[in-house]
N, C-alpha and C. Protein backbone atom coordinates (compact mmCIF):
# COMPACT_ATOMS: atom_id res chain seq x y z
N MET A 1 31.55 72.42 42.68
CA MET A 1 31.64 70.98 42.54
C MET A 1 30.54 70.50 41.59
N LYS A 2 30.86 69.48 40.85
CA LYS A 2 29.94 68.94 39.86
C LYS A 2 29.58 67.50 40.23
N LYS A 3 28.28 67.20 40.28
CA LYS A 3 27.83 65.85 40.60
C LYS A 3 28.09 64.95 39.41
N VAL A 4 28.72 63.81 39.66
CA VAL A 4 29.13 62.93 38.58
C VAL A 4 28.23 61.70 38.48
N GLN A 5 27.97 61.02 39.59
CA GLN A 5 27.26 59.76 39.54
C GLN A 5 26.48 59.57 40.84
N VAL A 6 25.29 58.97 40.72
CA VAL A 6 24.50 58.65 41.91
C VAL A 6 24.16 57.17 41.84
N CYS A 7 24.45 56.44 42.93
CA CYS A 7 24.19 55.01 42.96
C CYS A 7 23.80 54.62 44.37
N PHE A 8 22.52 54.33 44.64
CA PHE A 8 22.03 53.93 45.95
C PHE A 8 22.41 54.90 47.06
N ARG A 9 22.35 56.13 46.91
CA ARG A 9 22.72 57.15 47.89
C ARG A 9 24.21 57.23 48.10
N LEU A 10 25.00 56.58 47.28
CA LEU A 10 26.44 56.77 47.34
C LEU A 10 26.75 57.85 46.32
N PHE A 11 26.99 59.03 46.80
CA PHE A 11 27.24 60.16 45.92
C PHE A 11 28.73 60.28 45.68
N ILE A 12 29.10 60.38 44.45
CA ILE A 12 30.49 60.63 44.10
C ILE A 12 30.54 62.01 43.47
N VAL A 13 31.24 62.90 44.12
CA VAL A 13 31.29 64.28 43.68
C VAL A 13 32.71 64.59 43.24
N GLU A 14 32.83 65.15 42.06
CA GLU A 14 34.15 65.48 41.53
C GLU A 14 34.54 66.88 42.01
N SER A 15 35.66 66.98 42.65
CA SER A 15 36.17 68.25 43.14
C SER A 15 37.62 68.35 42.69
N GLY A 16 37.85 68.98 41.56
CA GLY A 16 39.19 69.01 41.00
C GLY A 16 39.54 67.62 40.50
N ASN A 17 40.60 67.04 41.04
CA ASN A 17 40.97 65.68 40.65
C ASN A 17 40.69 64.68 41.78
N LYS A 18 39.90 65.08 42.78
CA LYS A 18 39.57 64.20 43.89
C LYS A 18 38.11 63.79 43.82
N TYR A 19 37.81 62.61 44.34
CA TYR A 19 36.44 62.13 44.43
C TYR A 19 36.07 62.01 45.90
N ILE A 20 34.93 62.57 46.28
CA ILE A 20 34.46 62.53 47.65
C ILE A 20 33.24 61.62 47.69
N THR A 21 33.23 60.64 48.58
CA THR A 21 32.08 59.76 48.70
C THR A 21 31.40 60.00 50.03
N PHE A 22 30.08 59.90 50.05
CA PHE A 22 29.30 60.06 51.26
C PHE A 22 28.72 58.71 51.64
N ALA A 23 28.70 58.44 52.92
CA ALA A 23 28.26 57.14 53.42
C ALA A 23 26.75 56.97 53.32
N MET A 24 26.32 55.73 53.50
CA MET A 24 24.90 55.40 53.49
C MET A 24 24.31 55.67 54.86
N LYS A 25 22.99 55.69 54.92
CA LYS A 25 22.29 55.85 56.19
C LYS A 25 22.19 54.49 56.89
N PHE A 26 22.01 54.51 58.21
CA PHE A 26 21.86 53.27 58.97
C PHE A 26 20.69 52.45 58.44
N SER A 27 19.58 53.12 58.12
CA SER A 27 18.40 52.41 57.65
C SER A 27 18.65 51.72 56.31
N GLU A 28 19.49 52.31 55.46
CA GLU A 28 19.80 51.70 54.16
C GLU A 28 20.66 50.45 54.33
N VAL A 29 21.63 50.50 55.24
CA VAL A 29 22.46 49.32 55.50
C VAL A 29 21.61 48.21 56.11
N LEU A 30 20.72 48.57 57.03
CA LEU A 30 19.81 47.59 57.63
C LEU A 30 18.93 46.95 56.57
N ARG A 31 18.42 47.75 55.64
CA ARG A 31 17.57 47.24 54.55
C ARG A 31 18.35 46.26 53.68
N LYS A 32 19.63 46.56 53.39
CA LYS A 32 20.47 45.65 52.60
C LYS A 32 20.64 44.31 53.30
N LEU A 33 20.88 44.36 54.62
CA LEU A 33 21.07 43.13 55.38
C LEU A 33 19.79 42.30 55.42
N LEU A 34 18.65 42.95 55.62
CA LEU A 34 17.38 42.22 55.67
C LEU A 34 17.05 41.58 54.33
N ARG A 35 17.37 42.25 53.23
CA ARG A 35 17.13 41.68 51.90
C ARG A 35 18.01 40.47 51.63
N ASP A 36 19.19 40.45 52.27
CA ASP A 36 20.12 39.34 52.08
C ASP A 36 19.75 38.13 52.94
N GLY A 37 18.79 38.28 53.84
CA GLY A 37 18.35 37.15 54.65
C GLY A 37 18.71 37.27 56.12
N TRP A 38 19.41 38.31 56.52
CA TRP A 38 19.73 38.52 57.93
C TRP A 38 18.46 38.89 58.67
N PHE A 39 18.35 38.47 59.93
CA PHE A 39 17.19 38.82 60.74
C PHE A 39 17.66 39.30 62.11
N VAL A 40 16.85 40.12 62.74
CA VAL A 40 17.19 40.66 64.06
C VAL A 40 16.88 39.59 65.09
N GLN A 41 17.91 39.09 65.75
CA GLN A 41 17.74 38.07 66.77
C GLN A 41 17.26 38.71 68.07
N ARG A 42 17.89 39.83 68.43
CA ARG A 42 17.47 40.57 69.62
C ARG A 42 17.98 42.00 69.51
N GLN A 43 17.49 42.84 70.40
CA GLN A 43 17.91 44.23 70.42
C GLN A 43 18.22 44.62 71.85
N GLU A 44 19.36 45.26 72.04
CA GLU A 44 19.76 45.76 73.36
C GLU A 44 19.99 47.25 73.23
N GLY A 45 19.04 48.04 73.69
CA GLY A 45 19.13 49.49 73.53
C GLY A 45 19.01 49.84 72.06
N SER A 46 20.00 50.56 71.54
CA SER A 46 19.97 50.92 70.12
C SER A 46 20.78 49.95 69.26
N HIS A 47 21.30 48.88 69.86
CA HIS A 47 22.09 47.91 69.12
C HIS A 47 21.24 46.74 68.67
N LEU A 48 21.35 46.42 67.38
CA LEU A 48 20.66 45.26 66.81
C LEU A 48 21.66 44.12 66.68
N ILE A 49 21.31 42.95 67.17
CA ILE A 49 22.14 41.76 67.01
C ILE A 49 21.45 40.92 65.95
N MET A 50 22.14 40.72 64.82
CA MET A 50 21.54 40.06 63.66
C MET A 50 22.24 38.74 63.37
N ARG A 51 21.48 37.79 62.88
CA ARG A 51 21.98 36.48 62.46
C ARG A 51 21.45 36.15 61.07
N HIS A 52 22.11 35.20 60.44
CA HIS A 52 21.70 34.71 59.12
C HIS A 52 21.52 33.20 59.23
N PRO A 53 20.47 32.64 58.62
CA PRO A 53 20.23 31.20 58.74
C PRO A 53 21.32 30.33 58.10
N MET A 54 22.02 30.84 57.09
CA MET A 54 23.01 30.02 56.38
C MET A 54 24.46 30.45 56.63
N LYS A 55 24.68 31.70 56.99
CA LYS A 55 26.04 32.22 57.17
C LYS A 55 26.43 32.14 58.64
N LYS A 56 27.73 32.05 58.89
CA LYS A 56 28.23 31.95 60.25
C LYS A 56 28.32 33.33 60.88
N GLY A 57 28.30 33.34 62.21
CA GLY A 57 28.54 34.56 62.96
C GLY A 57 27.31 35.42 63.14
N GLN A 58 27.56 36.58 63.74
CA GLN A 58 26.49 37.54 63.97
C GLN A 58 27.03 38.92 63.69
N ILE A 59 26.13 39.85 63.47
CA ILE A 59 26.48 41.24 63.22
C ILE A 59 25.81 42.08 64.29
N VAL A 60 26.58 42.95 64.91
CA VAL A 60 26.04 43.90 65.88
C VAL A 60 26.17 45.27 65.25
N MET A 61 25.03 45.94 65.09
CA MET A 61 25.06 47.28 64.52
C MET A 61 24.09 48.18 65.28
N THR A 62 24.40 49.45 65.29
CA THR A 62 23.51 50.39 65.95
C THR A 62 22.36 50.74 65.02
N ASN A 63 21.27 51.20 65.58
CA ASN A 63 20.12 51.59 64.78
C ASN A 63 19.84 53.07 65.05
N HIS A 64 20.40 53.92 64.19
CA HIS A 64 20.19 55.36 64.32
C HIS A 64 19.38 55.90 63.16
N GLY A 65 18.63 55.02 62.49
CA GLY A 65 17.68 55.44 61.46
C GLY A 65 18.27 56.22 60.31
N ARG A 66 17.91 57.50 60.22
CA ARG A 66 18.28 58.27 59.04
C ARG A 66 19.62 58.98 59.15
N MET A 67 20.35 58.78 60.26
CA MET A 67 21.68 59.36 60.38
C MET A 67 22.64 58.62 59.46
N GLU A 68 23.63 59.34 58.95
CA GLU A 68 24.60 58.70 58.07
C GLU A 68 25.64 57.94 58.88
N MET A 69 26.00 56.78 58.36
CA MET A 69 26.97 55.91 58.99
C MET A 69 28.35 56.25 58.44
N GLY A 70 29.37 56.15 59.27
CA GLY A 70 30.74 56.36 58.81
C GLY A 70 31.11 55.33 57.76
N LYS A 71 31.94 55.73 56.82
CA LYS A 71 32.31 54.84 55.72
C LYS A 71 33.03 53.59 56.22
N GLY A 72 33.89 53.74 57.23
CA GLY A 72 34.61 52.59 57.77
C GLY A 72 33.69 51.58 58.43
N LEU A 73 32.72 52.07 59.20
CA LEU A 73 31.76 51.19 59.86
C LEU A 73 30.87 50.49 58.82
N GLU A 74 30.47 51.25 57.80
CA GLU A 74 29.67 50.66 56.72
C GLU A 74 30.43 49.52 56.05
N ASN A 75 31.70 49.75 55.72
CA ASN A 75 32.52 48.71 55.08
C ASN A 75 32.69 47.50 55.99
N LYS A 76 32.89 47.73 57.29
CA LYS A 76 33.07 46.63 58.24
C LYS A 76 31.83 45.77 58.33
N ILE A 77 30.65 46.38 58.41
CA ILE A 77 29.40 45.63 58.53
C ILE A 77 29.11 44.85 57.25
N LEU A 78 29.27 45.49 56.09
CA LEU A 78 29.00 44.81 54.82
C LEU A 78 29.99 43.68 54.57
N LYS A 79 31.25 43.87 54.97
CA LYS A 79 32.25 42.83 54.82
C LYS A 79 31.92 41.64 55.72
N ALA A 80 31.52 41.91 56.97
CA ALA A 80 31.15 40.83 57.90
C ALA A 80 29.94 40.06 57.40
N ALA A 81 29.05 40.74 56.69
CA ALA A 81 27.84 40.09 56.17
C ALA A 81 28.11 39.36 54.86
N GLY A 82 29.30 39.53 54.29
CA GLY A 82 29.62 38.89 53.03
C GLY A 82 29.03 39.60 51.84
N LEU A 83 28.71 40.88 51.98
CA LEU A 83 28.12 41.65 50.89
C LEU A 83 29.12 42.56 50.21
N LYS A 84 30.34 42.63 50.71
CA LYS A 84 31.34 43.51 50.13
C LYS A 84 32.48 42.65 49.61
N MET A 85 32.83 42.88 48.37
CA MET A 85 33.91 42.11 47.75
C MET A 85 35.25 42.72 48.15
N LEU A 86 36.22 41.86 48.42
CA LEU A 86 37.57 42.34 48.72
C LEU A 86 38.29 42.66 47.43
N ILE A 87 38.97 43.79 47.43
CA ILE A 87 39.68 44.19 46.20
C ILE A 87 41.16 44.08 46.42
């Protein structure tokens, strides 16, 4: 396999005519949310409940540090935070 592009720990690896993407770490998604203005309102066990001063709703995400997050969960959290564009 040949490495094609690296962008914020999103690795795209070319394998024949397929592209394989690897998910981000929990800490990287948390860092993105904090930079956007989200703050941790409270924590229950390993779950962080986050709010934003200007945006509606809340985000509940687990905090597993350096473990990689599933791509679907990553997309769901970023979409709920308004950081992912719909295509």
